[in-house]
C-alpha cells in the first residue's frame, strides 16, 4: 500500500500484527518489505540520489540555509534578489556593435528583461547589442527610433529593456519628445543644440526664446511658427532662408543726432562735418539723414554732400543753389555700411563760395540737419 497520496505511509495489514509463537506468513512478510521498499524509494534522499517526480508544496514553510544560486537553473536566495539589482553586462565589441556577457549566462531573451552596462565608447550611429551570443538586437529609444551619435556616452551606465523585438534604451542622452512644464535651465553648456525643433505658438499665445545675457554671440535659427520672439540679450544672429514679418514688428533701437548750431562752409576745398553718430565699429548699419544748406551769395553755388564713416562713402550727391542771395535747400542721403571705421556722418562742401552754411534751425524745430543709424546685423 505504501503512501496514500496525502503523505501518510500505510503498513500492509494482511497478517498483521504478528502473534508471538506463531509462524509468520511469507506472503505477509514479503508484502510488508515491498511496501517499505516502495516507501523508501519514493522518499527524497538528503545526499541527492533521488529527485522529485512532481511539484512539492511546502505548506507555508520556508526552505532555509539555502546555498547561493550560481547557474541559470539554480534557486536564488532572498539576499541575492535584494542585492543583485539589474544584471550588469560586461561589454566588448565596438561602440556601435556591442557584445556582452553576464553571470550566470543568458540562454534566451525574455520580454521585459532589464539589463545595464557601462558604455565603453560613445556611439557614432545606430547601435546593436548581443548578450552571450543569444542574438543581435537593435538598441533604440522611444520605441523603434534608432540611436543617433552621442546617445550613449563613454562611462555612462545605461539601462535597456527587451520589448520582445529590440532593446529599448531607458536613459539615453537625447529625446524624441521632451515636455518641460515651467522653466528649463541649461547651466554650464557652451552650445545648446536645438536641431529640427518646433516652438509651438498660437494666435492667442506666444512662442518665446530667451537668449543668455552672457558675453558672446548666441545664434538662433527661427522656426516657422506663429508667435513672438522675445527680447534677446546681447548680439543675436537670426538665421533662416525666409523671414516673413507680415503682421509682425521688429523693434530696433536707432541712434539719432542733430546739429545744435550752424556750421560755416568757409573753405571751398574742404568738407565740413554736419550731424554724426557714434555707433561703434562692428556690425552692419543702415544710415539715413537730411541736411539743410544755405548760401548767402548770389549765383549758381554748387554744394557737394556725402554720407560716410570718415573713410568709406556710403552715398553722395550735389545741389546747385541758384538765384537770389540766401537761397537754401534740403538734401537727404541713406545707405548701408558694414564695420564702419568711424562715426557715421554727413559732410558738406561748398565749392563755389565761402559763404555757405549747414543749417540747424531754419524751421524753428532744431532738426533741420539730422542723421539716424540702425544696426541690422
Protein backbone atom coordinates (compact mmCIF):
# COMPACT_ATOMS: atom_id res chain seq x y z
CA UNK A 1 0.00 0.00 0.00
CA UNK A 2 2.84 2.42 0.88
CA UNK A 3 1.84 6.15 0.74
CA UNK A 4 -1.85 7.03 0.47
CA UNK A 5 -1.42 10.07 -1.81
CA UNK A 6 -1.63 12.53 1.08
CA UNK A 7 1.79 11.80 2.52
CA UNK A 8 0.71 9.08 5.02
CA UNK A 9 2.68 5.83 4.87
CA UNK A 10 0.33 2.83 5.42
CA UNK A 11 1.59 -0.62 6.51
CA UNK A 12 0.03 -3.58 4.68
CA UNK A 13 -2.32 -5.04 7.34
CA UNK A 14 -2.55 -8.58 5.91
CA UNK A 15 -1.09 -10.96 8.54
CA UNK A 16 -0.50 -8.02 10.85
CA UNK A 17 0.14 -7.77 13.63
CA UNK A 18 2.12 -10.97 14.03
CA UNK A 19 1.40 -13.17 17.05
CA UNK A 20 4.18 -14.42 19.30
CA UNK A 21 4.85 -18.14 18.96
CA UNK A 22 3.16 -18.44 15.54
CA UNK A 23 4.63 -18.92 12.11
CA UNK A 24 4.93 -15.65 10.12
CA UNK A 25 3.37 -15.96 6.70
CA UNK A 26 5.86 -15.42 3.90
CA UNK A 27 3.15 -13.68 1.90
CA UNK A 28 2.51 -11.18 4.68
CA UNK A 29 6.24 -10.62 5.25
CA UNK A 30 7.00 -10.13 1.56
CA UNK A 31 4.12 -7.67 1.18
CA UNK A 32 5.46 -5.69 4.16
CA UNK A 33 9.01 -5.46 2.81
CA UNK A 34 7.72 -4.50 -0.65
CA UNK A 35 5.75 -1.63 0.90
CA UNK A 36 8.80 -0.49 2.85
CA UNK A 37 10.95 -0.58 -0.28
CA UNK A 38 8.36 1.44 -2.22
CA UNK A 39 8.10 4.00 0.57
CA UNK A 40 11.86 4.46 0.88
CA UNK A 41 12.24 4.73 -2.87
CA UNK A 42 9.53 7.39 -3.00
CA UNK A 43 11.24 9.48 -0.30
CA UNK A 44 13.80 12.21 -1.17
CA UNK A 45 17.32 11.34 -0.10
CA UNK A 46 19.40 14.04 1.58
CA UNK A 47 22.53 13.18 -0.41
CA UNK A 48 20.81 13.98 -3.72
CA UNK A 49 20.48 10.38 -5.01
CA UNK A 50 16.80 10.88 -5.81
CA UNK A 51 14.89 13.78 -7.38
CA UNK A 52 11.23 14.84 -7.21
CA UNK A 53 8.84 13.44 -9.78
CA UNK A 54 6.14 16.08 -9.15
CA UNK A 55 5.73 19.58 -7.73
CA UNK A 56 6.31 19.80 -3.99
CA UNK A 57 4.10 22.01 -1.82
CA UNK A 58 5.82 23.34 1.30
CA UNK A 59 2.59 24.11 3.14
CA UNK A 60 3.58 27.66 4.03
CA UNK A 61 7.04 26.72 5.29
CA UNK A 62 10.42 28.07 4.08
CA UNK A 63 13.49 26.45 2.65
CA UNK A 64 16.24 27.66 4.98
CA UNK A 65 20.04 27.71 4.82
CA UNK A 66 19.96 27.60 1.00
CA UNK A 67 23.23 27.95 -0.88
CA UNK A 68 23.54 30.93 -3.26
CA UNK A 69 22.49 30.17 -6.83
CA UNK A 70 25.25 30.31 -9.45
CA UNK A 71 23.71 28.76 -12.58
CA UNK A 72 20.71 29.78 -14.64
CA UNK A 73 18.59 26.85 -13.34
CA UNK A 74 19.57 27.32 -9.65
CA UNK A 75 17.17 28.59 -6.99
CA UNK A 76 18.13 32.02 -5.63
CA UNK A 77 18.26 33.18 -2.04
CA UNK A 78 16.34 36.22 -0.86
CA UNK A 79 19.56 38.16 -0.28
CA UNK A 80 20.54 37.55 -3.89
CA UNK A 81 17.27 39.03 -5.10
CA UNK A 82 17.53 42.12 -2.90
CA UNK A 83 21.21 42.84 -3.51
CA UNK A 84 21.80 41.85 -7.11
CA UNK A 85 19.62 44.51 -8.81
CA UNK A 86 19.56 44.67 -12.63
CA UNK A 87 22.10 42.29 -14.22
CA UNK A 88 25.26 44.21 -15.23
CA UNK A 89 26.62 43.23 -18.62
CA UNK A 90 30.37 43.05 -19.20
CA UNK A 91 30.61 44.67 -22.63
CA UNK A 92 33.03 44.27 -25.52
CA UNK A 93 32.78 44.70 -29.28
CA UNK A 94 32.66 48.21 -30.75
CA UNK A 95 30.89 51.44 -29.88
CA UNK A 96 28.03 50.63 -32.28
CA UNK A 97 28.07 46.80 -32.33
CA UNK A 98 28.19 45.86 -28.66
CA UNK A 99 28.66 42.31 -27.38
CA UNK A 100 28.38 41.35 -23.74
CA UNK A 101 28.30 38.60 -21.15
CA UNK A 102 26.55 38.18 -17.80
CA UNK A 103 26.79 35.64 -14.95
CA UNK A 104 25.03 33.26 -15.00
CA UNK A 105 24.99 33.08 -18.80
CA UNK A 106 21.83 34.05 -20.64
CA UNK A 107 20.19 31.38 -22.77
CA UNK A 108 17.28 33.40 -24.23
CA UNK A 109 15.90 36.94 -24.26
CA UNK A 110 12.70 37.40 -22.23
CA UNK A 111 10.23 40.20 -22.85
CA UNK A 112 10.58 42.72 -20.04
CA UNK A 113 14.16 41.67 -19.24
CA UNK A 114 16.22 44.55 -17.83
CA UNK A 115 19.98 44.87 -18.26
CA UNK A 116 22.54 47.56 -17.55
CA UNK A 117 26.11 48.18 -18.67
CA UNK A 118 28.84 50.80 -18.59
CA UNK A 119 29.29 52.31 -22.06
CA UNK A 120 32.78 51.63 -23.36
CA UNK A 121 32.85 54.16 -26.22
CA UNK A 122 30.43 56.89 -27.25
CA UNK A 123 28.27 55.63 -30.10
CA UNK A 124 28.62 57.18 -33.55
CA UNK A 125 25.47 55.85 -35.23
CA UNK A 126 22.74 53.20 -34.69
CA UNK A 127 23.61 50.54 -32.08
CA UNK A 128 23.14 46.77 -31.73
CA UNK A 129 23.58 44.52 -28.67
CA UNK A 130 24.26 40.78 -28.46
CA UNK A 131 24.29 39.21 -24.95
CA UNK A 132 26.01 35.84 -24.51
CA UNK A 133 25.63 35.11 -28.20
CA UNK A 134 21.83 34.80 -27.90
CA UNK A 135 21.31 37.10 -30.90
CA UNK A 136 22.00 40.59 -32.31
CA UNK A 137 19.22 43.05 -31.46
CA UNK A 138 18.86 46.76 -32.21
CA UNK A 139 19.12 49.27 -29.37
CA UNK A 140 16.50 52.00 -29.85
CA UNK A 141 14.87 54.87 -27.98
CA UNK A 142 11.25 55.99 -27.72
CA UNK A 143 10.02 52.78 -29.28
CA UNK A 144 11.73 51.91 -32.55
CA UNK A 145 13.71 55.12 -33.12
CA UNK A 146 17.32 54.27 -33.96
CA UNK A 147 20.01 55.82 -31.79
CA UNK A 148 21.99 58.78 -33.11
CA UNK A 149 25.59 59.72 -32.42
CA UNK A 150 26.13 60.58 -28.75
CA UNK A 151 23.00 58.87 -27.39
CA UNK A 152 25.27 56.68 -25.24
CA UNK A 153 28.34 58.40 -23.78
CA UNK A 154 31.53 56.62 -22.71
CA UNK A 155 31.47 55.89 -18.98
CA UNK A 156 27.70 56.29 -18.70
CA UNK A 157 25.68 53.49 -17.04
CA UNK A 158 22.76 52.78 -19.35
CA UNK A 159 19.62 50.72 -18.78
CA UNK A 160 17.97 48.71 -21.55
CA UNK A 161 14.78 46.65 -21.60
CA UNK A 162 13.94 43.91 -24.09
CA UNK A 163 10.47 44.51 -25.57
CA UNK A 164 10.22 41.22 -27.43
CA UNK A 165 11.82 42.61 -30.59
CA UNK A 166 14.60 45.00 -29.58
CA UNK A 167 16.35 46.57 -26.60
CA UNK A 168 14.90 49.98 -25.72
CA UNK A 169 17.30 52.46 -24.11
CA UNK A 170 15.61 53.85 -20.99
CA UNK A 171 18.10 56.59 -20.07
CA UNK A 172 19.55 57.82 -23.34
CA UNK A 173 21.31 61.11 -23.96
CA UNK A 174 18.63 62.52 -26.31
CA UNK A 175 14.85 62.53 -26.60
CA UNK A 176 12.32 62.38 -29.41
CA UNK A 177 9.78 64.29 -27.33
CA UNK A 178 10.66 66.19 -24.15
CA UNK A 179 7.94 68.21 -22.43
CA UNK A 180 9.03 70.60 -19.70
CA UNK A 181 6.42 72.30 -17.55
CA UNK A 182 7.88 75.54 -16.25
CA UNK A 183 11.41 76.77 -16.90
CA UNK A 184 14.18 74.64 -18.38
CA UNK A 185 17.54 75.90 -17.15
CA UNK A 186 20.67 74.91 -19.06
CA UNK A 187 23.78 75.63 -17.00
CA UNK A 188 27.42 75.16 -17.91
CA UNK A 189 26.89 74.49 -21.62
CA UNK A 190 28.64 76.46 -24.34
CA UNK A 191 26.24 75.21 -27.00
CA UNK A 192 22.62 74.15 -26.72
CA UNK A 193 21.75 72.28 -29.90
CA UNK A 194 18.12 72.51 -30.97
CA UNK A 195 18.12 70.71 -34.33
CA UNK A 196 14.82 70.43 -36.16
CA UNK A 197 12.93 71.77 -33.15
CA UNK A 198 9.40 73.13 -33.23
CA UNK A 199 8.49 76.00 -30.92
CA UNK A 200 4.68 75.98 -30.87
CA UNK A 201 2.66 79.15 -30.64
CA UNK A 202 -0.85 80.28 -31.43
CA UNK A 203 -2.75 83.35 -32.43
CA UNK A 204 -3.53 83.95 -28.76
CA UNK A 205 -0.22 82.93 -27.20
CA UNK A 206 3.48 83.37 -27.78
CA UNK A 207 6.46 81.17 -28.57
CA UNK A 208 9.34 82.64 -26.57
CA UNK A 209 13.06 82.04 -26.95
CA UNK A 210 15.27 83.90 -24.47
CA UNK A 211 18.98 84.09 -25.28
CA UNK A 212 21.51 84.28 -22.44
CA UNK A 213 22.81 87.62 -21.30
CA UNK A 214 26.38 86.30 -21.08
CA UNK A 215 29.15 87.57 -23.31
CA UNK A 216 29.34 86.12 -26.81
CA UNK A 217 27.17 85.96 -29.88
CA UNK A 218 24.31 83.45 -29.48
CA UNK A 219 22.79 82.21 -32.73
CA UNK A 220 19.14 81.18 -33.01
CA UNK A 221 17.50 79.60 -36.05
CA UNK A 222 13.90 80.75 -36.05
CA UNK A 223 11.26 78.07 -36.58
CA UNK A 224 8.36 78.74 -38.93
CA UNK A 225 5.74 79.35 -36.27
CA UNK A 226 3.10 81.79 -35.16
CA UNK A 227 4.20 83.63 -32.08
CA UNK A 228 6.58 86.20 -30.65
CA UNK A 229 10.34 86.06 -30.38
CA UNK A 230 11.17 87.59 -27.01
CA UNK A 231 13.70 90.37 -26.45
CA UNK A 232 17.17 88.88 -26.72
CA UNK A 233 20.10 89.98 -24.59
CA UNK A 234 23.43 90.60 -26.34
CA UNK A 235 24.12 90.22 -30.04
CA UNK A 236 21.92 87.64 -31.77
CA UNK A 237 22.04 86.26 -35.30
CA UNK A 238 18.70 85.08 -36.70
CA UNK A 239 19.18 82.55 -39.49
CA UNK A 240 16.56 81.24 -41.90
CA UNK A 241 16.02 81.09 -45.63
CA UNK A 242 12.95 83.29 -45.44
CA UNK A 243 12.00 85.61 -42.62
CA UNK A 244 8.35 86.56 -43.07
CA UNK A 245 7.47 89.57 -40.93
CA UNK A 246 3.97 90.17 -42.29
CA UNK A 247 1.77 91.41 -39.48
CA UNK A 248 4.70 91.40 -37.03
CA UNK A 249 7.02 94.03 -35.64
CA UNK A 250 10.78 94.21 -35.26
CA UNK A 251 11.90 96.63 -32.59
CA UNK A 252 15.25 98.27 -33.37
CA UNK A 253 16.95 100.93 -31.29
CA UNK A 254 18.06 103.78 -33.58
CA UNK A 255 20.89 106.22 -32.85
CA UNK A 256 19.94 109.77 -33.80
CA UNK A 257 21.84 113.06 -33.69
CA UNK A 258 21.04 116.60 -34.81
CA UNK A 259 23.17 119.69 -35.22
CA UNK A 260 22.97 122.13 -32.33
CA UNK A 261 24.34 125.10 -34.30
CA UNK A 262 25.01 126.20 -37.88
CA UNK A 263 28.26 125.00 -39.46
CA UNK A 264 30.11 127.52 -41.65
CA UNK A 265 31.37 126.23 -45.00
CA UNK A 266 34.22 128.75 -45.13
CA UNK A 267 36.74 126.82 -47.24
CA UNK A 268 35.87 125.70 -50.77
CA UNK A 269 38.46 122.92 -50.65
CA UNK A 270 37.23 121.20 -47.50
CA UNK A 271 34.30 119.08 -46.39
CA UNK A 272 32.77 120.18 -43.09
CA UNK A 273 31.05 117.64 -40.82
CA UNK A 274 27.36 118.02 -40.11
CA UNK A 275 25.39 115.66 -37.84
CA UNK A 276 27.15 112.41 -36.82
CA UNK A 277 26.52 109.36 -34.61
CA UNK A 278 28.97 107.27 -32.53
CA UNK A 279 27.76 103.77 -33.39
CA UNK A 280 30.98 101.78 -32.90
CA UNK A 281 32.92 99.73 -35.43
CA UNK A 282 31.13 96.35 -35.50
CA UNK A 283 28.01 95.16 -37.29
CA UNK A 284 26.10 96.23 -40.38
CA UNK A 285 24.28 99.55 -40.22
CA UNK A 286 21.59 101.38 -42.14
CA UNK A 287 22.08 105.16 -42.01
CA UNK A 288 19.78 107.91 -43.21
CA UNK A 289 19.91 111.65 -42.81
CA UNK A 290 18.89 115.08 -44.08
CA UNK A 291 20.82 118.34 -44.01
CA UNK A 292 19.67 121.87 -44.71
CA UNK A 293 22.18 124.04 -46.64
CA UNK A 294 22.23 127.76 -47.49
CA UNK A 295 24.50 130.17 -49.35
CA UNK A 296 24.19 133.88 -48.73
CA UNK A 297 25.74 134.98 -52.05
CA UNK A 298 24.04 135.44 -55.41
CA UNK A 299 24.88 132.96 -58.17
CA UNK A 300 24.93 129.31 -59.04
CA UNK A 301 26.55 127.89 -55.96
CA UNK A 302 27.40 124.17 -56.00
CA UNK A 303 27.02 122.18 -52.78
CA UNK A 304 28.54 118.68 -52.50
CA UNK A 305 27.29 116.26 -49.82
CA UNK A 306 28.39 112.76 -48.71
CA UNK A 307 27.22 110.19 -46.15
CA UNK A 308 30.28 108.32 -44.86
CA UNK A 309 32.27 106.98 -41.89
CA UNK A 310 35.34 109.16 -42.46
CA UNK A 311 36.80 106.52 -44.83
CA UNK A 312 34.10 104.83 -46.90
CA UNK A 313 31.46 106.87 -48.74
CA UNK A 314 28.02 105.34 -48.33
CA UNK A 315 26.11 107.78 -50.57
CA UNK A 316 26.72 111.22 -52.12
CA UNK A 317 25.09 113.91 -54.23
CA UNK A 318 25.27 117.60 -55.10
CA UNK A 319 22.89 120.53 -55.37
CA UNK A 320 23.04 123.92 -57.12
CA UNK A 321 21.77 126.91 -55.18
CA UNK A 322 20.76 129.27 -57.98
CA UNK A 323 19.30 132.75 -57.93
CA UNK A 324 18.99 135.21 -55.11
CA UNK A 325 21.16 135.50 -52.03
CA UNK A 326 20.44 133.21 -49.06
CA UNK A 327 18.89 130.53 -51.25
CA UNK A 328 18.57 127.21 -49.40
CA UNK A 329 17.64 123.56 -49.92
CA UNK A 330 17.43 120.22 -48.09
CA UNK A 331 19.39 117.15 -49.16
CA UNK A 332 18.73 113.56 -47.98
CA UNK A 333 21.06 110.54 -48.20
CA UNK A 334 20.84 106.92 -47.00
CA UNK A 335 22.63 103.60 -47.34
CA UNK A 336 24.28 100.60 -45.68
CA UNK A 337 27.75 100.02 -44.29
CA UNK A 338 29.48 97.10 -42.54
CA UNK A 339 32.13 97.52 -39.82
CA UNK A 340 32.28 101.31 -40.04
CA UNK A 341 35.74 102.75 -39.44
CA UNK A 342 34.47 105.80 -37.57
CA UNK A 343 31.39 107.81 -36.71
CA UNK A 344 28.78 107.80 -39.47
CA UNK A 345 28.23 111.42 -40.56
CA UNK A 346 27.01 113.77 -43.28
CA UNK A 347 29.71 116.12 -44.55
CA UNK A 348 29.21 119.13 -46.84
CA UNK A 349 31.47 121.20 -49.12
CA UNK A 350 30.57 124.49 -50.84
CA UNK A 351 32.88 124.55 -53.86
CA UNK A 352 31.65 127.95 -55.08
CA UNK A 353 31.92 130.42 -52.18
CA UNK A 354 32.94 130.63 -48.53
CA UNK A 355 29.51 131.89 -47.52
CA UNK A 356 27.74 128.54 -47.30
CA UNK A 357 26.12 127.16 -44.14
CA UNK A 358 24.79 123.86 -42.81
CA UNK A 359 21.55 124.97 -41.17
CA UNK A 360 20.38 123.55 -37.84
CA UNK A 361 17.20 125.54 -37.08
CA UNK A 362 15.77 127.21 -40.15
CA UNK A 363 12.37 125.68 -39.38
CA UNK A 364 12.37 126.52 -35.69
CA UNK A 365 12.41 122.78 -34.78
CA UNK A 366 16.19 122.36 -34.35
CA UNK A 367 16.04 119.22 -36.54
CA UNK A 368 16.97 120.65 -39.93
CA UNK A 369 20.18 118.63 -40.08
CA UNK A 370 19.66 115.17 -38.53
CA UNK A 371 21.13 111.70 -39.02
CA UNK A 372 19.87 108.28 -37.82
CA UNK A 373 21.70 104.92 -37.79
CA UNK A 374 20.18 101.48 -37.10
CA UNK A 375 22.18 98.29 -36.65
CA UNK A 376 20.63 95.50 -38.72
CA UNK A 377 23.23 92.74 -38.33
